[in-house]
């Protein structure tokens, strides 16, 4: 059993950076609270997968996954999509929040996004 992930330091900022898919290197700053990953549709999304999936090879749904950043903790939840959401190549359980840490890779279909934390000390190998 793994030990719990400690909260991020006060003032730390998080972003998702595309590491596989169209537009590698594109970064999305995420605010505290709720952010949605998915396809543009009836409900708005914060990370638009339309820009990163190839036409005819589409996996993301509108509001495919939800990221919650609150009190220094970052979680991702898949509401029960057909294709699922993966963290570090492991499919997360639908409807159950999964805690993320710096450098984790979130994958939806063929697109991979890495969680970057800005404002952390380099001492432990984490990003500054």
N, C-alpha and C. Protein backbone atom coordinates (compact mmCIF):
# COMPACT_ATOMS: atom_id res chain seq x y z
N UNK A 1 0.85 -1.19 0.00
CA UNK A 1 0.00 0.00 0.00
C UNK A 1 0.89 1.24 0.00
N UNK A 2 0.58 2.21 -0.86
CA UNK A 2 1.41 3.41 -0.94
C UNK A 2 1.00 4.42 0.13
N UNK A 3 1.96 5.25 0.51
CA UNK A 3 1.68 6.26 1.52
C UNK A 3 0.91 7.42 0.88
N UNK A 4 0.14 8.16 1.70
CA UNK A 4 -0.64 9.27 1.14
C UNK A 4 0.27 10.35 0.56
N UNK A 5 -0.24 11.01 -0.46
CA UNK A 5 0.51 12.09 -1.11
C UNK A 5 0.28 13.35 -0.29
N UNK A 6 1.37 14.02 0.15
CA UNK A 6 1.19 15.24 0.94
C UNK A 6 0.62 16.37 0.09
N UNK A 7 -0.08 17.32 0.72
CA UNK A 7 -0.61 18.45 -0.04
C UNK A 7 0.51 19.31 -0.62
N UNK A 8 0.19 20.01 -1.69
CA UNK A 8 1.14 20.95 -2.30
C UNK A 8 1.28 22.16 -1.38
N UNK A 9 2.43 22.84 -1.45
CA UNK A 9 2.61 24.02 -0.61
C UNK A 9 1.65 25.14 -1.00
N UNK A 10 1.33 25.98 -0.04
CA UNK A 10 0.43 27.11 -0.30
C UNK A 10 0.99 27.94 -1.45
N UNK A 11 0.13 28.34 -2.35
CA UNK A 11 0.54 29.18 -3.47
C UNK A 11 1.05 28.41 -4.68
N UNK A 12 1.18 27.11 -4.58
CA UNK A 12 1.65 26.32 -5.73
C UNK A 12 0.61 26.39 -6.85
N UNK A 13 1.07 26.49 -8.06
CA UNK A 13 0.20 26.52 -9.24
C UNK A 13 0.37 25.20 -9.99
N UNK A 14 -0.70 24.74 -10.61
CA UNK A 14 -0.61 23.50 -11.38
C UNK A 14 -0.98 23.76 -12.84
N UNK A 15 -0.42 22.93 -13.70
CA UNK A 15 -0.77 22.99 -15.12
C UNK A 15 -0.67 21.61 -15.70
N UNK A 16 -1.41 21.40 -16.79
CA UNK A 16 -1.32 20.16 -17.56
C UNK A 16 -0.62 20.50 -18.87
N UNK A 17 0.44 19.75 -19.17
CA UNK A 17 1.20 19.96 -20.39
C UNK A 17 1.05 18.74 -21.30
N UNK A 18 0.71 18.98 -22.56
CA UNK A 18 0.54 17.89 -23.51
C UNK A 18 1.92 17.28 -23.81
N UNK A 19 2.05 15.96 -23.55
CA UNK A 19 3.30 15.26 -23.83
C UNK A 19 3.14 14.26 -24.97
N UNK A 20 1.89 13.98 -25.37
CA UNK A 20 1.64 13.14 -26.54
C UNK A 20 0.30 13.56 -27.12
N UNK A 21 0.27 13.74 -28.43
CA UNK A 21 -0.93 14.18 -29.13
C UNK A 21 -0.57 15.33 -30.05
N UNK A 22 -1.56 15.93 -30.68
CA UNK A 22 -1.31 17.12 -31.48
C UNK A 22 -0.92 18.24 -30.52
N UNK A 23 -0.06 19.11 -30.95
CA UNK A 23 0.35 20.29 -30.16
C UNK A 23 1.08 19.92 -28.87
N UNK A 24 2.05 19.04 -28.97
CA UNK A 24 2.89 18.69 -27.81
C UNK A 24 3.52 19.97 -27.27
N UNK A 25 3.54 20.10 -25.96
CA UNK A 25 4.11 21.28 -25.31
C UNK A 25 3.05 22.30 -24.90
N UNK A 26 1.85 22.21 -25.44
CA UNK A 26 0.77 23.14 -25.06
C UNK A 26 0.45 22.92 -23.59
N UNK A 27 0.42 24.00 -22.82
CA UNK A 27 0.17 23.90 -21.37
C UNK A 27 -1.14 24.61 -21.02
N UNK A 28 -1.85 24.02 -20.06
CA UNK A 28 -3.10 24.58 -19.55
C UNK A 28 -2.94 24.83 -18.06
N UNK A 29 -2.96 26.09 -17.67
CA UNK A 29 -2.94 26.42 -16.25
C UNK A 29 -4.30 26.10 -15.65
N UNK A 30 -4.29 25.44 -14.50
CA UNK A 30 -5.55 25.08 -13.85
C UNK A 30 -5.70 25.86 -12.56
N UNK A 31 -6.86 26.34 -12.32
CA UNK A 31 -7.14 27.15 -11.13
C UNK A 31 -7.57 26.25 -9.98
N UNK A 32 -7.58 26.83 -8.79
CA UNK A 32 -8.13 26.08 -7.66
C UNK A 32 -9.61 25.90 -7.92
N UNK A 33 -10.13 24.78 -7.49
CA UNK A 33 -11.52 24.44 -7.74
C UNK A 33 -11.60 23.35 -8.79
N UNK A 34 -12.64 23.39 -9.60
CA UNK A 34 -12.91 22.34 -10.58
C UNK A 34 -12.50 22.79 -11.98
N UNK A 35 -11.82 21.88 -12.70
CA UNK A 35 -11.49 22.09 -14.11
C UNK A 35 -11.91 20.83 -14.86
N UNK A 36 -12.39 21.01 -16.08
CA UNK A 36 -12.86 19.88 -16.88
C UNK A 36 -11.96 19.65 -18.09
N UNK A 37 -11.70 18.37 -18.39
CA UNK A 37 -10.99 17.95 -19.59
C UNK A 37 -12.02 17.29 -20.48
N UNK A 38 -12.03 17.66 -21.76
CA UNK A 38 -12.98 17.02 -22.66
C UNK A 38 -13.06 17.72 -23.99
N UNK A 39 -14.16 17.51 -24.66
CA UNK A 39 -14.41 18.12 -25.97
C UNK A 39 -15.40 19.26 -25.81
N UNK A 40 -15.19 20.29 -26.60
CA UNK A 40 -16.11 21.41 -26.58
C UNK A 40 -17.49 20.92 -26.98
N UNK A 41 -18.49 21.33 -26.24
CA UNK A 41 -19.85 20.89 -26.54
C UNK A 41 -20.84 21.74 -25.79
N UNK A 42 -21.92 21.13 -25.36
CA UNK A 42 -22.97 21.85 -24.64
C UNK A 42 -22.45 22.44 -23.33
N UNK A 43 -21.49 21.77 -22.72
CA UNK A 43 -20.91 22.27 -21.47
C UNK A 43 -19.46 22.68 -21.72
N UNK A 44 -19.02 23.81 -21.18
CA UNK A 44 -17.66 24.27 -21.43
C UNK A 44 -16.61 23.38 -20.75
N UNK A 45 -15.41 23.35 -21.34
CA UNK A 45 -14.29 22.60 -20.78
C UNK A 45 -13.09 23.53 -20.64
N UNK A 46 -12.18 23.19 -19.72
CA UNK A 46 -10.98 23.99 -19.50
C UNK A 46 -9.80 23.50 -20.33
N UNK A 47 -9.75 22.19 -20.58
CA UNK A 47 -8.73 21.59 -21.43
C UNK A 47 -9.47 20.96 -22.60
N UNK A 48 -9.38 21.61 -23.76
CA UNK A 48 -10.15 21.20 -24.93
C UNK A 48 -9.38 20.16 -25.74
N UNK A 49 -9.87 18.93 -25.73
CA UNK A 49 -9.21 17.83 -26.42
C UNK A 49 -9.39 17.91 -27.94
N UNK A 50 -10.32 18.77 -28.43
CA UNK A 50 -10.49 18.94 -29.87
C UNK A 50 -9.17 19.30 -30.54
N UNK A 51 -8.33 20.06 -29.83
CA UNK A 51 -7.05 20.52 -30.38
C UNK A 51 -5.99 19.43 -30.42
N UNK A 52 -6.20 18.33 -29.74
CA UNK A 52 -5.13 17.36 -29.55
C UNK A 52 -5.40 15.98 -30.13
N UNK A 53 -6.65 15.66 -30.42
CA UNK A 53 -6.97 14.36 -31.02
C UNK A 53 -7.05 14.50 -32.53
N UNK A 54 -6.63 13.47 -33.21
CA UNK A 54 -6.68 13.47 -34.67
C UNK A 54 -8.10 13.15 -35.14
N UNK A 55 -8.59 13.83 -36.17
CA UNK A 55 -9.92 13.53 -36.69
C UNK A 55 -10.02 12.04 -37.04
N UNK A 56 -11.11 11.41 -36.67
CA UNK A 56 -11.30 10.00 -36.92
C UNK A 56 -10.68 9.11 -35.86
N UNK A 57 -9.97 9.70 -34.92
CA UNK A 57 -9.32 8.95 -33.84
C UNK A 57 -9.64 9.66 -32.52
N UNK A 58 -10.95 9.80 -32.27
CA UNK A 58 -11.44 10.59 -31.14
C UNK A 58 -11.91 9.68 -30.01
N UNK A 59 -11.41 9.96 -28.81
CA UNK A 59 -11.78 9.18 -27.62
C UNK A 59 -12.46 10.02 -26.56
N UNK A 60 -12.08 11.29 -26.45
CA UNK A 60 -12.59 12.14 -25.37
C UNK A 60 -14.06 12.49 -25.60
N UNK A 61 -14.77 12.56 -24.50
CA UNK A 61 -16.16 13.00 -24.52
C UNK A 61 -16.22 14.39 -23.91
N UNK A 62 -17.37 15.07 -24.06
CA UNK A 62 -17.55 16.35 -23.39
C UNK A 62 -17.48 16.10 -21.90
N UNK A 63 -16.66 16.88 -21.20
CA UNK A 63 -16.43 16.71 -19.76
C UNK A 63 -16.05 15.26 -19.44
N UNK A 64 -15.02 14.82 -20.12
CA UNK A 64 -14.52 13.45 -20.00
C UNK A 64 -13.97 13.17 -18.60
N UNK A 65 -13.28 14.15 -18.02
CA UNK A 65 -12.70 13.98 -16.68
C UNK A 65 -12.74 15.32 -15.95
N UNK A 66 -12.75 15.23 -14.63
CA UNK A 66 -12.82 16.43 -13.78
C UNK A 66 -11.60 16.45 -12.87
N UNK A 67 -10.90 17.58 -12.86
CA UNK A 67 -9.78 17.75 -11.93
C UNK A 67 -10.21 18.72 -10.85
N UNK A 68 -9.99 18.32 -9.60
CA UNK A 68 -10.31 19.16 -8.45
C UNK A 68 -9.00 19.52 -7.76
N UNK A 69 -8.75 20.82 -7.62
CA UNK A 69 -7.57 21.31 -6.91
C UNK A 69 -8.07 22.12 -5.73
N UNK A 70 -7.92 21.57 -4.54
CA UNK A 70 -8.47 22.20 -3.34
C UNK A 70 -7.62 21.84 -2.13
N UNK A 71 -7.30 22.85 -1.33
CA UNK A 71 -6.52 22.67 -0.09
C UNK A 71 -5.21 21.93 -0.34
N UNK A 72 -4.57 22.22 -1.50
CA UNK A 72 -3.28 21.63 -1.82
C UNK A 72 -3.34 20.23 -2.38
N UNK A 73 -4.53 19.66 -2.52
CA UNK A 73 -4.68 18.32 -3.06
C UNK A 73 -5.26 18.39 -4.48
N UNK A 74 -4.76 17.52 -5.35
CA UNK A 74 -5.23 17.47 -6.73
C UNK A 74 -5.77 16.07 -6.99
N UNK A 75 -7.04 16.00 -7.42
CA UNK A 75 -7.64 14.72 -7.76
C UNK A 75 -8.23 14.79 -9.16
N UNK A 76 -8.36 13.62 -9.77
CA UNK A 76 -9.02 13.51 -11.08
C UNK A 76 -10.09 12.44 -10.95
N UNK A 77 -11.23 12.69 -11.59
CA UNK A 77 -12.35 11.75 -11.57
C UNK A 77 -12.86 11.55 -12.99
N UNK A 78 -13.07 10.30 -13.35
CA UNK A 78 -13.71 9.96 -14.62
C UNK A 78 -15.16 9.62 -14.27
N UNK A 79 -16.13 10.29 -14.90
CA UNK A 79 -17.53 10.06 -14.51
C UNK A 79 -18.12 8.74 -14.99
N UNK A 80 -17.35 7.96 -15.73
CA UNK A 80 -17.86 6.68 -16.25
C UNK A 80 -17.87 6.67 -17.76
N UNK A 81 -16.87 7.27 -18.37
CA UNK A 81 -16.80 7.33 -19.83
C UNK A 81 -16.53 5.96 -20.43
N UNK A 82 -16.86 5.81 -21.71
CA UNK A 82 -16.67 4.53 -22.41
C UNK A 82 -15.21 4.13 -22.48
N UNK A 83 -14.33 5.08 -22.78
CA UNK A 83 -12.91 4.76 -23.00
C UNK A 83 -12.07 4.89 -21.74
N UNK A 84 -12.60 5.54 -20.71
CA UNK A 84 -11.89 5.66 -19.45
C UNK A 84 -10.80 6.72 -19.44
N UNK A 85 -10.22 6.90 -18.26
CA UNK A 85 -9.12 7.83 -18.03
C UNK A 85 -8.02 7.04 -17.33
N UNK A 86 -6.79 7.28 -17.74
CA UNK A 86 -5.65 6.55 -17.19
C UNK A 86 -4.70 7.52 -16.50
N UNK A 87 -4.09 7.07 -15.41
CA UNK A 87 -3.05 7.83 -14.73
C UNK A 87 -1.83 6.92 -14.66
N UNK A 88 -0.74 7.37 -15.24
CA UNK A 88 0.49 6.57 -15.30
C UNK A 88 0.21 5.16 -15.85
N UNK A 89 -0.60 5.12 -16.91
CA UNK A 89 -0.94 3.90 -17.66
C UNK A 89 -1.87 2.93 -16.93
N UNK A 90 -2.44 3.36 -15.82
CA UNK A 90 -3.38 2.53 -15.08
C UNK A 90 -4.76 3.19 -15.14
N UNK A 91 -5.77 2.42 -15.55
CA UNK A 91 -7.13 2.97 -15.65
C UNK A 91 -7.66 3.26 -14.25
N UNK A 92 -8.19 4.48 -14.08
CA UNK A 92 -8.74 4.83 -12.77
C UNK A 92 -10.18 4.35 -12.69
N UNK A 93 -10.64 4.14 -11.48
CA UNK A 93 -12.00 3.66 -11.26
C UNK A 93 -12.99 4.79 -11.51
N UNK A 94 -14.01 4.52 -12.31
CA UNK A 94 -15.03 5.52 -12.63
C UNK A 94 -15.75 5.98 -11.37
N UNK A 95 -15.96 7.29 -11.29
CA UNK A 95 -16.72 7.86 -10.19
C UNK A 95 -15.96 8.02 -8.89
N UNK A 96 -14.71 7.57 -8.84
CA UNK A 96 -13.92 7.64 -7.61
C UNK A 96 -12.73 8.59 -7.82
N UNK A 97 -12.61 9.65 -7.02
CA UNK A 97 -11.47 10.57 -7.19
C UNK A 97 -10.14 9.84 -6.98
N UNK A 98 -9.19 10.14 -7.87
CA UNK A 98 -7.85 9.56 -7.81
C UNK A 98 -6.87 10.70 -7.57
N UNK A 99 -6.09 10.63 -6.51
CA UNK A 99 -5.17 11.72 -6.18
C UNK A 99 -3.98 11.74 -7.14
N UNK A 100 -3.63 12.95 -7.58
CA UNK A 100 -2.50 13.16 -8.48
C UNK A 100 -1.35 13.82 -7.74
N UNK A 101 -0.14 13.59 -8.26
CA UNK A 101 1.05 14.28 -7.74
C UNK A 101 1.82 14.83 -8.93
N UNK A 102 2.80 15.68 -8.66
CA UNK A 102 3.62 16.28 -9.71
C UNK A 102 4.21 15.19 -10.59
N UNK A 103 4.20 15.44 -11.89
CA UNK A 103 4.77 14.58 -12.93
C UNK A 103 3.88 13.40 -13.32
N UNK A 104 2.73 13.18 -12.65
CA UNK A 104 1.82 12.13 -13.09
C UNK A 104 1.37 12.42 -14.52
N UNK A 105 1.11 11.36 -15.27
CA UNK A 105 0.65 11.50 -16.65
C UNK A 105 -0.79 11.00 -16.75
N UNK A 106 -1.67 11.89 -17.20
CA UNK A 106 -3.08 11.59 -17.42
C UNK A 106 -3.24 11.29 -18.90
N UNK A 107 -3.90 10.16 -19.21
CA UNK A 107 -4.09 9.78 -20.60
C UNK A 107 -5.56 9.57 -20.89
N UNK A 108 -5.99 10.20 -21.98
CA UNK A 108 -7.34 10.03 -22.51
C UNK A 108 -7.16 9.67 -23.98
N UNK A 109 -7.49 8.44 -24.33
CA UNK A 109 -7.25 7.98 -25.69
C UNK A 109 -5.76 8.02 -26.00
N UNK A 110 -5.40 8.67 -27.11
CA UNK A 110 -4.00 8.76 -27.51
C UNK A 110 -3.31 10.02 -27.03
N UNK A 111 -3.99 10.81 -26.22
CA UNK A 111 -3.43 12.07 -25.73
C UNK A 111 -2.97 11.89 -24.29
N UNK A 112 -1.75 12.35 -24.02
CA UNK A 112 -1.20 12.28 -22.66
C UNK A 112 -0.84 13.68 -22.20
N UNK A 113 -1.24 13.99 -20.96
CA UNK A 113 -0.98 15.29 -20.36
C UNK A 113 -0.26 15.06 -19.03
N UNK A 114 0.81 15.81 -18.80
CA UNK A 114 1.58 15.64 -17.57
C UNK A 114 1.27 16.78 -16.60
N UNK A 115 1.05 16.41 -15.33
CA UNK A 115 0.78 17.41 -14.30
C UNK A 115 2.09 18.04 -13.86
N UNK A 116 2.18 19.33 -14.03
CA UNK A 116 3.35 20.09 -13.60
C UNK A 116 2.93 20.98 -12.44
N UNK A 117 3.81 21.12 -11.47
CA UNK A 117 3.56 21.97 -10.31
C UNK A 117 4.59 23.08 -10.31
N UNK A 118 4.12 24.31 -10.28
CA UNK A 118 4.99 25.48 -10.28
C UNK A 118 4.96 26.10 -8.89
N UNK A 119 6.12 26.39 -8.37
CA UNK A 119 6.18 27.01 -7.05
C UNK A 119 6.63 26.04 -5.97
N UNK A 120 7.18 24.89 -6.41
CA UNK A 120 7.69 23.92 -5.42
C UNK A 120 9.21 23.98 -5.41
N UNK A 121 9.80 23.64 -4.31
CA UNK A 121 11.25 23.64 -4.19
C UNK A 121 11.83 22.43 -4.92
N UNK A 122 13.02 22.60 -5.47
CA UNK A 122 13.68 21.54 -6.21
C UNK A 122 14.33 20.50 -5.30
N UNK A 123 14.46 20.78 -4.02
CA UNK A 123 15.15 19.93 -3.06
C UNK A 123 14.79 18.45 -3.19
N UNK A 124 13.54 18.13 -3.38
CA UNK A 124 13.10 16.73 -3.42
C UNK A 124 12.93 16.25 -4.86
N UNK A 125 13.52 16.97 -5.80
CA UNK A 125 13.41 16.56 -7.20
C UNK A 125 12.13 17.03 -7.84
N UNK A 126 11.36 17.85 -7.14
CA UNK A 126 10.13 18.36 -7.71
C UNK A 126 10.41 19.70 -8.36
N UNK A 127 9.51 20.11 -9.21
CA UNK A 127 9.69 21.33 -9.97
C UNK A 127 9.65 22.57 -9.11
N UNK A 128 10.38 23.58 -9.52
CA UNK A 128 10.37 24.87 -8.84
C UNK A 128 9.35 25.77 -9.47
